């Protein structure tokens, strides 16, 4: 016997939608604002899942904690601005729409 689930919770970024390019673009903007060379997509992908300040610290080793926090704040602002654009699109991963339809049914 299985009981119906009243709801299902997903982490959206990296689970339902492929947001890696939005994350990398936002990190590039934050690094630009602070005069650092942009990290590559591979480097950014390696820190996804860490807290934001820790991710920045890994990308900018040797910089002071205050700088990590400032870059992280600019990342958040860039991410929000990018996601707020009318023309922004983070595509669903293949098969996600079908899974959500089955769960909804």
PDB file of N, CA and C in Angstrom:
ATOM      1  N   UNK A   1       0.849  -1.168   0.000  1.00  0.00           N
ATOM      2  CA  UNK A   1       0.000   0.000   0.000  1.00  0.00           C
ATOM      3  C   UNK A   1       0.893   1.229   0.000  1.00  0.00           C
ATOM      4  N   UNK A   2       0.574   2.191  -0.850  1.00  0.00           N
ATOM      5  CA  UNK A   2       1.337   3.435  -0.861  1.00  0.00           C
ATOM      6  C   UNK A   2       0.377   4.607  -0.732  1.00  0.00           C
ATOM      7  N   UNK A   3       0.752   5.531   0.088  1.00  0.00           N
ATOM      8  CA  UNK A   3      -0.067   6.722   0.295  1.00  0.00           C
ATOM      9  C   UNK A   3       0.305   7.774  -0.731  1.00  0.00           C
ATOM     10  N   UNK A   4      -0.666   8.554  -1.139  1.00  0.00           N
ATOM     11  CA  UNK A   4      -0.409   9.643  -2.078  1.00  0.00           C
ATOM     12  C   UNK A   4       0.419  10.720  -1.386  1.00  0.00           C
ATOM     13  N   UNK A   5       1.358  11.264  -2.113  1.00  0.00           N
ATOM     14  CA  UNK A   5       2.167  12.355  -1.575  1.00  0.00           C
ATOM     15  C   UNK A   5       1.398  13.662  -1.748  1.00  0.00           C
ATOM     16  N   UNK A   6       1.268  14.455  -0.693  1.00  0.00           N
ATOM     17  CA  UNK A   6       0.527  15.711  -0.833  1.00  0.00           C
ATOM     18  C   UNK A   6       1.299  16.768  -1.637  1.00  0.00           C
ATOM     19  N   UNK A   7       2.607  16.648  -1.655  1.00  0.00           N
ATOM     20  CA  UNK A   7       3.426  17.581  -2.431  1.00  0.00           C
ATOM     21  C   UNK A   7       4.818  17.005  -2.606  1.00  0.00           C
ATOM     22  N   UNK A   8       5.519  17.539  -3.578  1.00  0.00           N
ATOM     23  CA  UNK A   8       6.891  17.137  -3.839  1.00  0.00           C
ATOM     24  C   UNK A   8       7.716  18.417  -3.915  1.00  0.00           C
ATOM     25  N   UNK A   9       8.890  18.416  -3.298  1.00  0.00           N
ATOM     26  CA  UNK A   9       9.752  19.586  -3.285  1.00  0.00           C
ATOM     27  C   UNK A   9      11.016  19.270  -4.076  1.00  0.00           C
ATOM     28  N   UNK A  10      11.380  20.172  -4.960  1.00  0.00           N
ATOM     29  CA  UNK A  10      12.600  20.039  -5.741  1.00  0.00           C
ATOM     30  C   UNK A  10      13.476  21.263  -5.551  1.00  0.00           C
ATOM     31  N   UNK A  11      14.761  21.063  -5.604  1.00  0.00           N
ATOM     32  CA  UNK A  11      15.701  22.153  -5.787  1.00  0.00           C
ATOM     33  C   UNK A  11      15.662  22.450  -7.281  1.00  0.00           C
ATOM     34  N   UNK A  12      15.436  23.674  -7.659  1.00  0.00           N
ATOM     35  CA  UNK A  12      15.239  24.007  -9.069  1.00  0.00           C
ATOM     36  C   UNK A  12      16.556  24.023  -9.835  1.00  0.00           C
ATOM     37  N   UNK A  13      17.511  24.836  -9.396  1.00  0.00           N
ATOM     38  CA  UNK A  13      18.775  24.995 -10.125  1.00  0.00           C
ATOM     39  C   UNK A  13      19.575  23.708 -10.117  1.00  0.00           C
ATOM     40  N   UNK A  14      19.856  23.200 -11.295  1.00  0.00           N
ATOM     41  CA  UNK A  14      20.657  21.998 -11.424  1.00  0.00           C
ATOM     42  C   UNK A  14      19.884  20.710 -11.242  1.00  0.00           C
ATOM     43  N   UNK A  15      18.615  20.805 -10.886  1.00  0.00           N
ATOM     44  CA  UNK A  15      17.766  19.625 -10.733  1.00  0.00           C
ATOM     45  C   UNK A  15      16.684  19.618 -11.805  1.00  0.00           C
ATOM     46  N   UNK A  16      15.948  20.714 -11.883  1.00  0.00           N
ATOM     47  CA  UNK A  16      14.901  20.842 -12.897  1.00  0.00           C
ATOM     48  C   UNK A  16      15.366  21.663 -14.092  1.00  0.00           C
ATOM     49  N   UNK A  17      16.108  22.702 -13.821  1.00  0.00           N
ATOM     50  CA  UNK A  17      16.578  23.569 -14.908  1.00  0.00           C
ATOM     51  C   UNK A  17      18.101  23.567 -14.979  1.00  0.00           C
ATOM     52  N   UNK A  18      18.583  23.709 -16.202  1.00  0.00           N
ATOM     53  CA  UNK A  18      20.027  23.776 -16.444  1.00  0.00           C
ATOM     54  C   UNK A  18      20.452  25.232 -16.307  1.00  0.00           C
ATOM     55  N   UNK A  19      20.848  25.604 -15.115  1.00  0.00           N
ATOM     56  CA  UNK A  19      21.163  27.000 -14.806  1.00  0.00           C
ATOM     57  C   UNK A  19      22.659  27.288 -14.814  1.00  0.00           C
ATOM     58  N   UNK A  20      23.466  26.343 -15.298  1.00  0.00           N
ATOM     59  CA  UNK A  20      24.912  26.519 -15.219  1.00  0.00           C
ATOM     60  C   UNK A  20      25.392  27.770 -15.950  1.00  0.00           C
ATOM     61  N   UNK A  21      24.761  28.114 -17.064  1.00  0.00           N
ATOM     62  CA  UNK A  21      25.213  29.290 -17.811  1.00  0.00           C
ATOM     63  C   UNK A  21      24.815  30.589 -17.103  1.00  0.00           C
ATOM     64  N   UNK A  22      23.671  30.582 -16.448  1.00  0.00           N
ATOM     65  CA  UNK A  22      23.262  31.742 -15.661  1.00  0.00           C
ATOM     66  C   UNK A  22      24.202  31.923 -14.474  1.00  0.00           C
ATOM     67  N   UNK A  23      24.541  30.829 -13.823  1.00  0.00           N
ATOM     68  CA  UNK A  23      25.463  30.889 -12.685  1.00  0.00           C
ATOM     69  C   UNK A  23      26.826  31.406 -13.137  1.00  0.00           C
ATOM     70  N   UNK A  24      27.345  30.867 -14.249  1.00  0.00           N
ATOM     71  CA  UNK A  24      28.656  31.293 -14.745  1.00  0.00           C
ATOM     72  C   UNK A  24      28.639  32.756 -15.180  1.00  0.00           C
ATOM     73  N   UNK A  25      27.567  33.185 -15.841  1.00  0.00           N
ATOM     74  CA  UNK A  25      27.472  34.585 -16.283  1.00  0.00           C
ATOM     75  C   UNK A  25      27.399  35.528 -15.084  1.00  0.00           C
ATOM     76  N   UNK A  26      26.675  35.134 -14.063  1.00  0.00           N
ATOM     77  CA  UNK A  26      26.564  35.969 -12.859  1.00  0.00           C
ATOM     78  C   UNK A  26      27.895  36.053 -12.127  1.00  0.00           C
ATOM     79  N   UNK A  27      28.615  34.937 -12.082  1.00  0.00           N
ATOM     80  CA  UNK A  27      29.935  34.946 -11.445  1.00  0.00           C
ATOM     81  C   UNK A  27      30.895  35.820 -12.251  1.00  0.00           C
ATOM     82  N   UNK A  28      30.820  35.730 -13.577  1.00  0.00           N
ATOM     83  CA  UNK A  28      31.680  36.564 -14.423  1.00  0.00           C
ATOM     84  C   UNK A  28      31.414  38.044 -14.165  1.00  0.00           C
ATOM     85  N   UNK A  29      30.153  38.415 -14.049  1.00  0.00           N
ATOM     86  CA  UNK A  29      29.801  39.818 -13.780  1.00  0.00           C
ATOM     87  C   UNK A  29      30.373  40.271 -12.444  1.00  0.00           C
ATOM     88  N   UNK A  30      30.225  39.434 -11.426  1.00  0.00           N
ATOM     89  CA  UNK A  30      30.751  39.791 -10.099  1.00  0.00           C
ATOM     90  C   UNK A  30      32.269  39.938 -10.132  1.00  0.00           C
ATOM     91  N   UNK A  31      32.944  39.025 -10.821  1.00  0.00           N
ATOM     92  CA  UNK A  31      34.402  39.117 -10.919  1.00  0.00           C
ATOM     93  C   UNK A  31      34.808  40.367 -11.699  1.00  0.00           C
ATOM     94  N   UNK A  32      34.085  40.689 -12.777  1.00  0.00           N
ATOM     95  CA  UNK A  32      34.359  41.906 -13.553  1.00  0.00           C
ATOM     96  C   UNK A  32      34.272  43.149 -12.673  1.00  0.00           C
ATOM     97  N   UNK A  33      33.238  43.191 -11.837  1.00  0.00           N
ATOM     98  CA  UNK A  33      33.028  44.366 -10.981  1.00  0.00           C
ATOM     99  C   UNK A  33      34.186  44.585 -10.006  1.00  0.00           C
ATOM    100  N   UNK A  34      34.888  43.514  -9.679  1.00  0.00           N
ATOM    101  CA  UNK A  34      35.999  43.609  -8.727  1.00  0.00           C
ATOM    102  C   UNK A  34      37.368  43.542  -9.398  1.00  0.00           C
ATOM    103  N   UNK A  35      37.372  43.513 -10.729  1.00  0.00           N
ATOM    104  CA  UNK A  35      38.624  43.541 -11.467  1.00  0.00           C
ATOM    105  C   UNK A  35      39.388  42.226 -11.505  1.00  0.00           C
ATOM    106  N   UNK A  36      38.711  41.123 -11.236  1.00  0.00           N
ATOM    107  CA  UNK A  36      39.355  39.811 -11.297  1.00  0.00           C
ATOM    108  C   UNK A  36      39.125  39.169 -12.657  1.00  0.00           C
ATOM    109  N   UNK A  37      40.046  38.345 -13.108  1.00  0.00           N
ATOM    110  CA  UNK A  37      39.794  37.581 -14.333  1.00  0.00           C
ATOM    111  C   UNK A  37      38.592  36.650 -14.115  1.00  0.00           C
ATOM    112  N   UNK A  38      37.789  36.505 -15.141  1.00  0.00           N
ATOM    113  CA  UNK A  38      36.601  35.651 -15.036  1.00  0.00           C
ATOM    114  C   UNK A  38      36.994  34.183 -14.858  1.00  0.00           C
ATOM    115  N   UNK A  39      36.324  33.505 -13.936  1.00  0.00           N
ATOM    116  CA  UNK A  39      36.585  32.072 -13.811  1.00  0.00           C
ATOM    117  C   UNK A  39      35.941  31.328 -14.976  1.00  0.00           C
ATOM    118  N   UNK A  40      36.519  30.207 -15.348  1.00  0.00           N
ATOM    119  CA  UNK A  40      35.957  29.398 -16.414  1.00  0.00           C
ATOM    120  C   UNK A  40      34.736  28.623 -15.943  1.00  0.00           C
ATOM    121  N   UNK A  41      33.939  28.172 -16.897  1.00  0.00           N
ATOM    122  CA  UNK A  41      32.739  27.401 -16.585  1.00  0.00           C
ATOM    123  C   UNK A  41      33.082  26.163 -15.742  1.00  0.00           C
ATOM    124  N   UNK A  42      34.152  25.483 -16.092  1.00  0.00           N
ATOM    125  CA  UNK A  42      34.552  24.286 -15.353  1.00  0.00           C
ATOM    126  C   UNK A  42      34.826  24.623 -13.881  1.00  0.00           C
ATOM    127  N   UNK A  43      35.536  25.720 -13.639  1.00  0.00           N
ATOM    128  CA  UNK A  43      35.851  26.125 -12.268  1.00  0.00           C
ATOM    129  C   UNK A  43      34.595  26.501 -11.494  1.00  0.00           C
ATOM    130  N   UNK A  44      33.689  27.215 -12.154  1.00  0.00           N
ATOM    131  CA  UNK A  44      32.440  27.604 -11.492  1.00  0.00           C
ATOM    132  C   UNK A  44      31.614  26.367 -11.169  1.00  0.00           C
ATOM    133  N   UNK A  45      31.514  25.443 -12.107  1.00  0.00           N
ATOM    134  CA  UNK A  45      30.723  24.231 -11.878  1.00  0.00           C
ATOM    135  C   UNK A  45      31.260  23.416 -10.706  1.00  0.00           C
ATOM    136  N   UNK A  46      32.557  23.474 -10.472  1.00  0.00           N
ATOM    137  CA  UNK A  46      33.161  22.706  -9.373  1.00  0.00           C
ATOM    138  C   UNK A  46      32.768  23.240  -8.001  1.00  0.00           C
ATOM    139  N   UNK A  47      32.327  24.498  -7.908  1.00  0.00           N
ATOM    140  CA  UNK A  47      31.977  25.069  -6.605  1.00  0.00           C
ATOM    141  C   UNK A  47      30.476  25.177  -6.385  1.00  0.00           C
ATOM    142  N   UNK A  48      29.684  24.803  -7.400  1.00  0.00           N
ATOM    143  CA  UNK A  48      28.229  24.842  -7.241  1.00  0.00           C
ATOM    144  C   UNK A  48      27.844  23.863  -6.136  1.00  0.00           C
ATOM    145  N   UNK A  49      26.990  24.311  -5.249  1.00  0.00           N
ATOM    146  CA  UNK A  49      26.562  23.488  -4.120  1.00  0.00           C
ATOM    147  C   UNK A  49      27.168  23.942  -2.805  1.00  0.00           C
ATOM    148  N   UNK A  50      28.296  24.637  -2.881  1.00  0.00           N
ATOM    149  CA  UNK A  50      28.880  25.225  -1.674  1.00  0.00           C
ATOM    150  C   UNK A  50      28.098  26.484  -1.325  1.00  0.00           C
ATOM    151  N   UNK A  51      28.243  26.943  -0.088  1.00  0.00           N
ATOM    152  CA  UNK A  51      27.670  28.248   0.224  1.00  0.00           C
ATOM    153  C   UNK A  51      28.327  29.261  -0.713  1.00  0.00           C
ATOM    154  N   UNK A  52      27.644  30.319  -1.011  1.00  0.00           N
ATOM    155  CA  UNK A  52      28.143  31.272  -2.000  1.00  0.00           C
ATOM    156  C   UNK A  52      29.481  31.885  -1.599  1.00  0.00           C
ATOM    157  N   UNK A  53      29.620  32.284  -0.361  1.00  0.00           N
ATOM    158  CA  UNK A  53      30.883  32.885   0.083  1.00  0.00           C
ATOM    159  C   UNK A  53      32.012  31.854  -0.007  1.00  0.00           C
ATOM    160  N   UNK A  54      31.739  30.606   0.367  1.00  0.00           N
ATOM    161  CA  UNK A  54      32.755  29.560   0.263  1.00  0.00           C
ATOM    162  C   UNK A  54      33.111  29.305  -1.194  1.00  0.00           C
ATOM    163  N   UNK A  55      32.124  29.327  -2.087  1.00  0.00           N
ATOM    164  CA  UNK A  55      32.393  29.136  -3.520  1.00  0.00           C
ATOM    165  C   UNK A  55      33.319  30.231  -4.035  1.00  0.00           C
ATOM    166  N   UNK A  56      33.033  31.473  -3.670  1.00  0.00           N
ATOM    167  CA  UNK A  56      33.880  32.587  -4.094  1.00  0.00           C
ATOM    168  C   UNK A  56      35.275  32.431  -3.495  1.00  0.00           C
ATOM    169  N   UNK A  57      35.353  32.016  -2.242  1.00  0.00           N
ATOM    170  CA  UNK A  57      36.660  31.823  -1.589  1.00  0.00           C
ATOM    171  C   UNK A  57      37.485  30.769  -2.330  1.00  0.00           C
ATOM    172  N   UNK A  58      36.836  29.731  -2.815  1.00  0.00           N
ATOM    173  CA  UNK A  58      37.557  28.700  -3.568  1.00  0.00           C
ATOM    174  C   UNK A  58      38.038  29.237  -4.914  1.00  0.00           C
ATOM    175  N   UNK A  59      37.249  30.139  -5.497  1.00  0.00           N
ATOM    176  CA  UNK A  59      37.632  30.717  -6.786  1.00  0.00           C
ATOM    177  C   UNK A  59      38.657  31.836  -6.629  1.00  0.00           C
ATOM    178  N   UNK A  60      38.709  32.434  -5.446  1.00  0.00           N
ATOM    179  CA  UNK A  60      39.650  33.527  -5.162  1.00  0.00           C
ATOM    180  C   UNK A  60      40.450  33.216  -3.898  1.00  0.00           C
ATOM    181  N   UNK A  61      41.237  32.151  -3.924  1.00  0.00           N
ATOM    182  CA  UNK A  61      42.014  31.819  -2.721  1.00  0.00           C
ATOM    183  C   UNK A  61      43.027  32.929  -2.424  1.00  0.00           C
ATOM    184  N   UNK A  62      43.225  33.145  -1.164  1.00  0.00           N
ATOM    185  CA  UNK A  62      44.211  34.144  -0.760  1.00  0.00           C
ATOM    186  C   UNK A  62      43.649  35.545  -0.624  1.00  0.00           C
ATOM    187  N   UNK A  63      42.434  35.759  -1.066  1.00  0.00           N
ATOM    188  CA  UNK A  63      41.813  37.078  -0.898  1.00  0.00           C
ATOM    189  C   UNK A  63      41.152  37.141   0.477  1.00  0.00           C
ATOM    190  N   UNK A  64      40.984  38.329   1.021  1.00  0.00           N
ATOM    191  CA  UNK A  64      40.390  38.446   2.362  1.00  0.00           C
ATOM    192  C   UNK A  64      38.908  38.068   2.371  1.00  0.00           C
ATOM    193  N   UNK A  65      38.441  37.640   3.539  1.00  0.00           N
ATOM    194  CA  UNK A  65      37.045  37.242   3.697  1.00  0.00           C
ATOM    195  C   UNK A  65      36.075  38.339   3.270  1.00  0.00           C
ATOM    196  N   UNK A  66      36.428  39.585   3.570  1.00  0.00           N
ATOM    197  CA  UNK A  66      35.547  40.698   3.197  1.00  0.00           C
ATOM    198  C   UNK A  66      35.387  40.793   1.678  1.00  0.00           C
ATOM    199  N   UNK A  67      36.448  40.496   0.943  1.00  0.00           N
ATOM    200  CA  UNK A  67      36.376  40.526  -0.518  1.00  0.00           C
ATOM    201  C   UNK A  67      35.497  39.387  -1.028  1.00  0.00           C
ATOM    202  N   UNK A  68      35.633  38.206  -0.412  1.00  0.00           N
ATOM    203  CA  UNK A  68      34.780  37.075  -0.789  1.00  0.00           C
ATOM    204  C   UNK A  68      33.313  37.445  -0.595  1.00  0.00           C
ATOM    205  N   UNK A  69      33.013  38.063   0.538  1.00  0.00           N
ATOM    206  CA  UNK A  69      31.626  38.449   0.831  1.00  0.00           C
ATOM    207  C   UNK A  69      31.129  39.494  -0.165  1.00  0.00           C
ATOM    208  N   UNK A  70      31.979  40.438  -0.522  1.00  0.00           N
ATOM    209  CA  UNK A  70      31.572  41.484  -1.468  1.00  0.00           C
ATOM    210  C   UNK A  70      31.313  40.907  -2.859  1.00  0.00           C
ATOM    211  N   UNK A  71      32.165  40.015  -3.302  1.00  0.00           N
ATOM    212  CA  UNK A  71      31.969  39.374  -4.611  1.00  0.00           C
ATOM    213  C   UNK A  71      30.695  38.537  -4.578  1.00  0.00           C
ATOM    214  N   UNK A  72      30.453  37.842  -3.479  1.00  0.00           N
ATOM    215  CA  UNK A  72      29.233  37.038  -3.345  1.00  0.00           C
ATOM    216  C   UNK A  72      27.991  37.918  -3.423  1.00  0.00           C
ATOM    217  N   UNK A  73      28.020  39.076  -2.800  1.00  0.00           N
ATOM    218  CA  UNK A  73      26.869  39.994  -2.871  1.00  0.00           C
ATOM    219  C   UNK A  73      26.645  40.476  -4.299  1.00  0.00           C
ATOM    220  N   UNK A  74      27.719  40.784  -5.003  1.00  0.00           N
ATOM    221  CA  UNK A  74      27.573  41.219  -6.397  1.00  0.00           C
ATOM    222  C   UNK A  74      27.106  40.076  -7.290  1.00  0.00           C
ATOM    223  N   UNK A  75      27.514  38.858  -6.971  1.00  0.00           N
ATOM    224  CA  UNK A  75      27.001  37.687  -7.690  1.00  0.00           C
ATOM    225  C   UNK A  75      25.487  37.601  -7.524  1.00  0.00           C
ATOM    226  N   UNK A  76      25.004  37.732  -6.281  1.00  0.00           N
ATOM    227  CA  UNK A  76      23.560  37.648  -6.032  1.00  0.00           C
ATOM    228  C   UNK A  76      22.800  38.711  -6.809  1.00  0.00           C
ATOM    229  N   UNK A  77      23.332  39.922  -6.822  1.00  0.00           N
ATOM    230  CA  UNK A  77      22.674  41.001  -7.561  1.00  0.00           C
ATOM    231  C   UNK A  77      22.655  40.707  -9.063  1.00  0.00           C
ATOM    232  N   UNK A  78      23.768  40.202  -9.589  1.00  0.00           N
ATOM    233  CA  UNK A  78      23.845  39.871 -11.014  1.00  0.00           C
ATOM    234  C   UNK A  78      22.899  38.725 -11.359  1.00  0.00           C
ATOM    235  N   UNK A  79      22.837  37.723 -10.503  1.00  0.00           N
ATOM    236  CA  UNK A  79      21.956  36.576 -10.725  1.00  0.00           C
ATOM    237  C   UNK A  79      20.502  37.028 -10.746  1.00  0.00           C
ATOM    238  N   UNK A  80      20.110  37.837  -9.773  1.00  0.00           N
ATOM    239  CA  UNK A  80      18.740  38.346  -9.711  1.00  0.00           C
ATOM    240  C   UNK A  80      18.420  39.182 -10.936  1.00  0.00           C
ATOM    241  N   UNK A  81      19.337  40.060 -11.330  1.00  0.00           N
ATOM    242  CA  UNK A  81      19.108  40.911 -12.501  1.00  0.00           C
ATOM    243  C   UNK A  81      18.947  40.074 -13.765  1.00  0.00           C
ATOM    244  N   UNK A  82      19.788  39.075 -13.920  1.00  0.00           N
ATOM    245  CA  UNK A  82      19.705  38.222 -15.104  1.00  0.00           C
ATOM    246  C   UNK A  82      18.409  37.429 -15.121  1.00  0.00           C
ATOM    247  N   UNK A  83      18.054  36.853 -14.003  1.00  0.00           N
ATOM    248  CA  UNK A  83      16.819  36.075 -13.927  1.00  0.00           C
ATOM    249  C   UNK A  83      15.575  36.947 -14.075  1.00  0.00           C
ATOM    250  N   UNK A  84      15.689  38.224 -13.816  1.00  0.00           N
ATOM    251  CA  UNK A  84      14.540  39.132 -13.910  1.00  0.00           C
ATOM    252  C   UNK A  84      14.273  39.630 -15.328  1.00  0.00           C
ATOM    253  N   UNK A  85      15.210  39.409 -16.219  1.00  0.00           N
ATOM    254  CA  UNK A  85      15.037  39.877 -17.603  1.00  0.00           C
ATOM    255  C   UNK A  85      13.930  39.091 -18.296  1.00  0.00           C
ATOM    256  N   UNK A  86      13.130  39.795 -19.097  1.00  0.00           N
ATOM    257  CA  UNK A  86      12.043  39.148 -19.837  1.00  0.00           C
ATOM    258  C   UNK A  86      12.547  38.101 -20.818  1.00  0.00           C
ATOM    259  N   UNK A  87      13.746  38.300 -21.348  1.00  0.00           N
ATOM    260  CA  UNK A  87      14.269  37.377 -22.361  1.00  0.00           C
ATOM    261  C   UNK A  87      15.141  36.259 -21.771  1.00  0.00           C
ATOM    262  N   UNK A  88      15.201  36.171 -20.441  1.00  0.00           N
ATOM    263  CA  UNK A  88      16.040  35.150 -19.813  1.00  0.00           C
ATOM    264  C   UNK A  88      15.373  33.781 -19.893  1.00  0.00           C
ATOM    265  N   UNK A  89      16.191  32.760 -20.133  1.00  0.00           N
ATOM    266  CA  UNK A  89      15.677  31.401 -20.214  1.00  0.00           C
ATOM    267  C   UNK A  89      16.707  30.421 -19.676  1.00  0.00           C
ATOM    268  N   UNK A  90      16.333  29.706 -18.631  1.00  0.00           N
ATOM    269  CA  UNK A  90      17.110  28.564 -18.165  1.00  0.00           C
ATOM    270  C   UNK A  90      16.305  27.344 -18.594  1.00  0.00           C
ATOM    271  N   UNK A  91      16.830  26.548 -19.521  1.00  0.00           N
ATOM    272  CA  UNK A  91      16.042  25.433 -20.051  1.00  0.00           C
ATOM    273  C   UNK A  91      15.857  24.302 -19.031  1.00  0.00           C
ATOM    274  N   UNK A  92      14.713  23.643 -19.137  1.00  0.00           N
ATOM    275  CA  UNK A  92      14.502  22.436 -18.349  1.00  0.00           C
ATOM    276  C   UNK A  92      15.433  21.342 -18.859  1.00  0.00           C
ATOM    277  N   UNK A  93      15.873  20.487 -17.957  1.00  0.00           N
ATOM    278  CA  UNK A  93      16.630  19.322 -18.388  1.00  0.00           C
ATOM    279  C   UNK A  93      15.702  18.397 -19.165  1.00  0.00           C
ATOM    280  N   UNK A  94      16.266  17.611 -20.080  1.00  0.00           N
ATOM    281  CA  UNK A  94      15.433  16.674 -20.841  1.00  0.00           C
ATOM    282  C   UNK A  94      14.657  15.741 -19.909  1.00  0.00           C
ATOM    283  N   UNK A  95      13.377  15.560 -20.210  1.00  0.00           N
ATOM    284  CA  UNK A  95      12.527  14.649 -19.454  1.00  0.00           C
ATOM    285  C   UNK A  95      11.857  15.243 -18.240  1.00  0.00           C
ATOM    286  N   UNK A  96      12.259  16.435 -17.818  1.00  0.00           N
ATOM    287  CA  UNK A  96      11.705  17.028 -16.602  1.00  0.00           C
ATOM    288  C   UNK A  96      10.209  17.318 -16.759  1.00  0.00           C
ATOM    289  N   UNK A  97       9.820  17.847 -17.883  1.00  0.00           N
ATOM    290  CA  UNK A  97       8.397  18.169 -18.090  1.00  0.00           C
ATOM    291  C   UNK A  97       7.549  16.903 -17.957  1.00  0.00           C
ATOM    292  N   UNK A  98       8.009  15.798 -18.513  1.00  0.00           N
ATOM    293  CA  UNK A  98       7.271  14.531 -18.429  1.00  0.00           C
ATOM    294  C   UNK A  98       7.181  14.045 -16.989  1.00  0.00           C
ATOM    295  N   UNK A  99       8.279  14.133 -16.258  1.00  0.00           N
ATOM    296  CA  UNK A  99       8.271  13.706 -14.838  1.00  0.00           C
ATOM    297  C   UNK A  99       7.293  14.545 -14.041  1.00  0.00           C
ATOM    298  N   UNK A 100       7.312  15.850 -14.254  1.00  0.00           N
ATOM    299  CA  UNK A 100       6.396  16.729 -13.515  1.00  0.00           C
ATOM    300  C   UNK A 100       4.944  16.431 -13.863  1.00  0.00           C
ATOM    301  N   UNK A 101       4.686  16.115 -15.127  1.00  0.00           N
ATOM    302  CA  UNK A 101       3.324  15.749 -15.542  1.00  0.00           C
ATOM    303  C   UNK A 101       2.851  14.476 -14.851  1.00  0.00           C
ATOM    304  N   UNK A 102       3.726  13.492 -14.766  1.00  0.00           N
ATOM    305  CA  UNK A 102       3.378  12.235 -14.093  1.00  0.00           C
ATOM    306  C   UNK A 102       3.116  12.489 -12.617  1.00  0.00           C
ATOM    307  N   UNK A 103       3.955  13.280 -11.987  1.00  0.00           N
ATOM    308  CA  UNK A 103       3.767  13.585 -10.566  1.00  0.00           C
ATOM    309  C   UNK A 103       2.485  14.369 -10.323  1.00  0.00           C
ATOM    310  N   UNK A 104       2.171  15.269 -11.224  1.00  0.00           N
ATOM    311  CA  UNK A 104       0.953  16.066 -11.086  1.00  0.00           C
ATOM    312  C   UNK A 104      -0.291  15.197 -11.220  1.00  0.00           C
ATOM    313  N   UNK A 105      -0.187  14.158 -12.053  1.00  0.00           N
ATOM    314  CA  UNK A 105      -1.335  13.259 -12.248  1.00  0.00           C
ATOM    315  C   UNK A 105      -1.516  12.373 -11.021  1.00  0.00           C
TER     316      UNK A 105
END
